[in-house]
C-alpha atoms as a PDB file:
ATOM      1  CA  MET A   1      -0.163  56.332 -65.582  1.00  0.00           C
ATOM      2  CA  PRO A   2      -2.779  53.534 -65.444  1.00  0.00           C
ATOM      3  CA  ARG A   3      -1.654  49.947 -64.964  1.00  0.00           C
ATOM      4  CA  LYS A   4      -1.481  47.757 -68.003  1.00  0.00           C
ATOM      5  CA  LYS A   5      -4.206  45.113 -68.101  1.00  0.00           C
ATOM      6  CA  VAL A   6      -2.902  41.568 -67.915  1.00  0.00           C
ATOM      7  CA  ASP A   7      -4.514  38.899 -70.050  1.00  0.00           C
ATOM      8  CA  PRO A   8      -5.033  35.909 -67.691  1.00  0.00           C
ATOM      9  CA  THR A   9      -4.876  33.471 -70.605  1.00  0.00           C
ATOM     10  CA  LYS A  10      -1.250  34.428 -71.211  1.00  0.00           C
ATOM     11  CA  ASN A  11       0.035  34.013 -67.655  1.00  0.00           C
ATOM     12  CA  LYS A  12       3.148  31.849 -67.828  1.00  0.00           C
ATOM     13  CA  TYR A  13       2.723  30.856 -64.171  1.00  0.00           C
ATOM     14  CA  ARG A  14      -0.563  29.013 -64.674  1.00  0.00           C
ATOM     15  CA  SER A  15      -0.609  25.254 -64.169  1.00  0.00           C
ATOM     16  CA  ALA A  16      -0.630  22.858 -67.101  1.00  0.00           C
ATOM     17  CA  GLU A  17      -4.309  22.103 -66.438  1.00  0.00           C
ATOM     18  CA  GLU A  18      -5.172  25.798 -66.680  1.00  0.00           C
ATOM     19  CA  ARG A  19      -3.141  26.289 -69.863  1.00  0.00           C
ATOM     20  CA  ALA A  20      -4.505  23.190 -71.649  1.00  0.00           C
ATOM     21  CA  PRO A  21      -7.426  21.634 -69.744  1.00  0.00           C
ATOM     22  CA  ASP A  22      -8.344  19.110 -72.466  1.00  0.00           C
ATOM     23  CA  VAL A  23      -4.881  17.584 -72.856  1.00  0.00           C
ATOM     24  CA  PRO A  24      -4.543  14.286 -70.961  1.00  0.00           C
ATOM     25  CA  ARG A  25      -1.738  14.051 -68.420  1.00  0.00           C
ATOM     26  CA  VAL A  26       1.089  11.734 -69.456  1.00  0.00           C
ATOM     27  CA  ALA A  27       3.646  12.625 -66.767  1.00  0.00           C
ATOM     28  CA  TYR A  28       3.991  14.213 -63.334  1.00  0.00           C
ATOM     29  CA  THR A  29       6.710  16.466 -62.041  1.00  0.00           C
ATOM     30  CA  VAL A  30       7.981  15.348 -58.632  1.00  0.00           C
ATOM     31  CA  PRO A  31       5.827  17.909 -56.715  1.00  0.00           C
ATOM     32  CA  GLU A  32       2.754  16.958 -58.802  1.00  0.00           C
ATOM     33  CA  PHE A  33       3.399  13.256 -58.148  1.00  0.00           C
ATOM     34  CA  CYS A  34       3.681  13.886 -54.409  1.00  0.00           C
ATOM     35  CA  ALA A  35       0.479  15.953 -54.374  1.00  0.00           C
ATOM     36  CA  ALA A  36      -1.394  13.325 -56.390  1.00  0.00           C
ATOM     37  CA  HIS A  37      -0.298  10.546 -54.024  1.00  0.00           C
ATOM     38  CA  ARG A  38      -0.663  12.636 -50.858  1.00  0.00           C
ATOM     39  CA  PHE A  39       2.828  12.559 -49.411  1.00  0.00           C
ATOM     40  CA  SER A  40       5.561  15.094 -48.856  1.00  0.00           C
ATOM     41  CA  LEU A  41       8.570  15.839 -51.017  1.00  0.00           C
ATOM     42  CA  SER A  42      10.853  14.726 -48.186  1.00  0.00           C
ATOM     43  CA  MET A  43       9.084  11.342 -48.070  1.00  0.00           C
ATOM     44  CA  TYR A  44       9.490  11.028 -51.846  1.00  0.00           C
ATOM     45  CA  TYR A  45      13.237  11.658 -51.586  1.00  0.00           C
ATOM     46  CA  LYS A  46      13.517   9.136 -48.700  1.00  0.00           C
ATOM     47  CA  LEU A  47      11.776   6.510 -50.850  1.00  0.00           C
ATOM     48  CA  ARG A  48      13.997   7.342 -53.817  1.00  0.00           C
ATOM     49  CA  GLU A  49      17.138   7.139 -51.659  1.00  0.00           C
ATOM     50  CA  ALA A  50      16.026   3.691 -50.448  1.00  0.00           C
ATOM     51  CA  GLY A  51      15.439   2.559 -54.038  1.00  0.00           C
ATOM     52  CA  LYS A  52      11.672   2.333 -53.508  1.00  0.00           C
ATOM     53  CA  GLY A  53      10.556   5.299 -55.596  1.00  0.00           C
ATOM     54  CA  PRO A  54       8.986   5.224 -59.062  1.00  0.00           C
ATOM     55  CA  ARG A  55      11.061   5.201 -62.240  1.00  0.00           C
ATOM     56  CA  GLU A  56      12.001   8.703 -63.307  1.00  0.00           C
ATOM     57  CA  SER A  57      12.687  10.291 -66.682  1.00  0.00           C
ATOM     58  CA  HIS A  58      14.617  13.481 -67.232  1.00  0.00           C
ATOM     59  CA  ALA A  59      13.859  16.246 -69.713  1.00  0.00           C
ATOM     60  CA  GLY A  60      16.594  18.816 -69.415  1.00  0.00           C
ATOM     61  CA  THR A  61      16.678  19.747 -65.741  1.00  0.00           C
ATOM     62  CA  LYS A  62      13.126  18.578 -65.060  1.00  0.00           C
ATOM     63  CA  THR A  63      12.466  15.195 -63.450  1.00  0.00           C
ATOM     64  CA  LEU A  64       9.293  13.523 -64.705  1.00  0.00           C
ATOM     65  CA  ILE A  65       7.367  10.419 -63.665  1.00  0.00           C
ATOM     66  CA  SER A  66       5.131   8.973 -66.358  1.00  0.00           C
ATOM     67  CA  VAL A  67       1.563   8.070 -65.437  1.00  0.00           C
ATOM     68  CA  ALA A  68       2.361   4.457 -66.377  1.00  0.00           C
ATOM     69  CA  ASN A  69       5.411   4.402 -64.056  1.00  0.00           C
ATOM     70  CA  ALA A  70       3.354   5.993 -61.270  1.00  0.00           C
ATOM     71  CA  ALA A  71       0.658   3.315 -61.673  1.00  0.00           C
ATOM     72  CA  ALA A  72       3.252   0.524 -61.731  1.00  0.00           C
ATOM     73  CA  TRP A  73       4.937   1.944 -58.624  1.00  0.00           C
ATOM     74  CA  LEU A  74       1.616   2.188 -56.789  1.00  0.00           C
ATOM     75  CA  LYS A  75       0.643  -1.386 -57.710  1.00  0.00           C
ATOM     76  CA  GLN A  76       4.042  -2.655 -56.588  1.00  0.00           C
ATOM     77  CA  ALA A  77       3.881  -0.621 -53.338  1.00  0.00           C
ATOM     78  CA  GLU A  78       0.418  -2.030 -52.564  1.00  0.00           C
ATOM     79  CA  THR A  79       1.540  -5.639 -52.986  1.00  0.00           C
ATOM     80  CA  GLN A  80       4.736  -5.327 -50.917  1.00  0.00           C
ATOM     81  CA  PRO A  81       4.409  -6.102 -47.210  1.00  0.00           C
ATOM     82  CA  ALA A  82       5.035  -3.154 -44.863  1.00  0.00           C
ATOM     83  CA  GLU A  83       8.427  -3.118 -43.187  1.00  0.00           C
END
């Protein structure tokens, strides 16, 4: 029996950018935030534990960081002296 052809436009595992490339990003998931800011998940959780992470929102079980909160966190992190 031949394999069923899969329509790549209906793959539920595609990223948000692949599913809707023209929709502007308004929030990051934690892994997306870490990738965008070039640090590891473990570093993110260390910052969060120390109270130095960005503000988070929750949608069901998903943790989101708005683009505005990410920008505010980055600005604040840039102005703070290194410890």
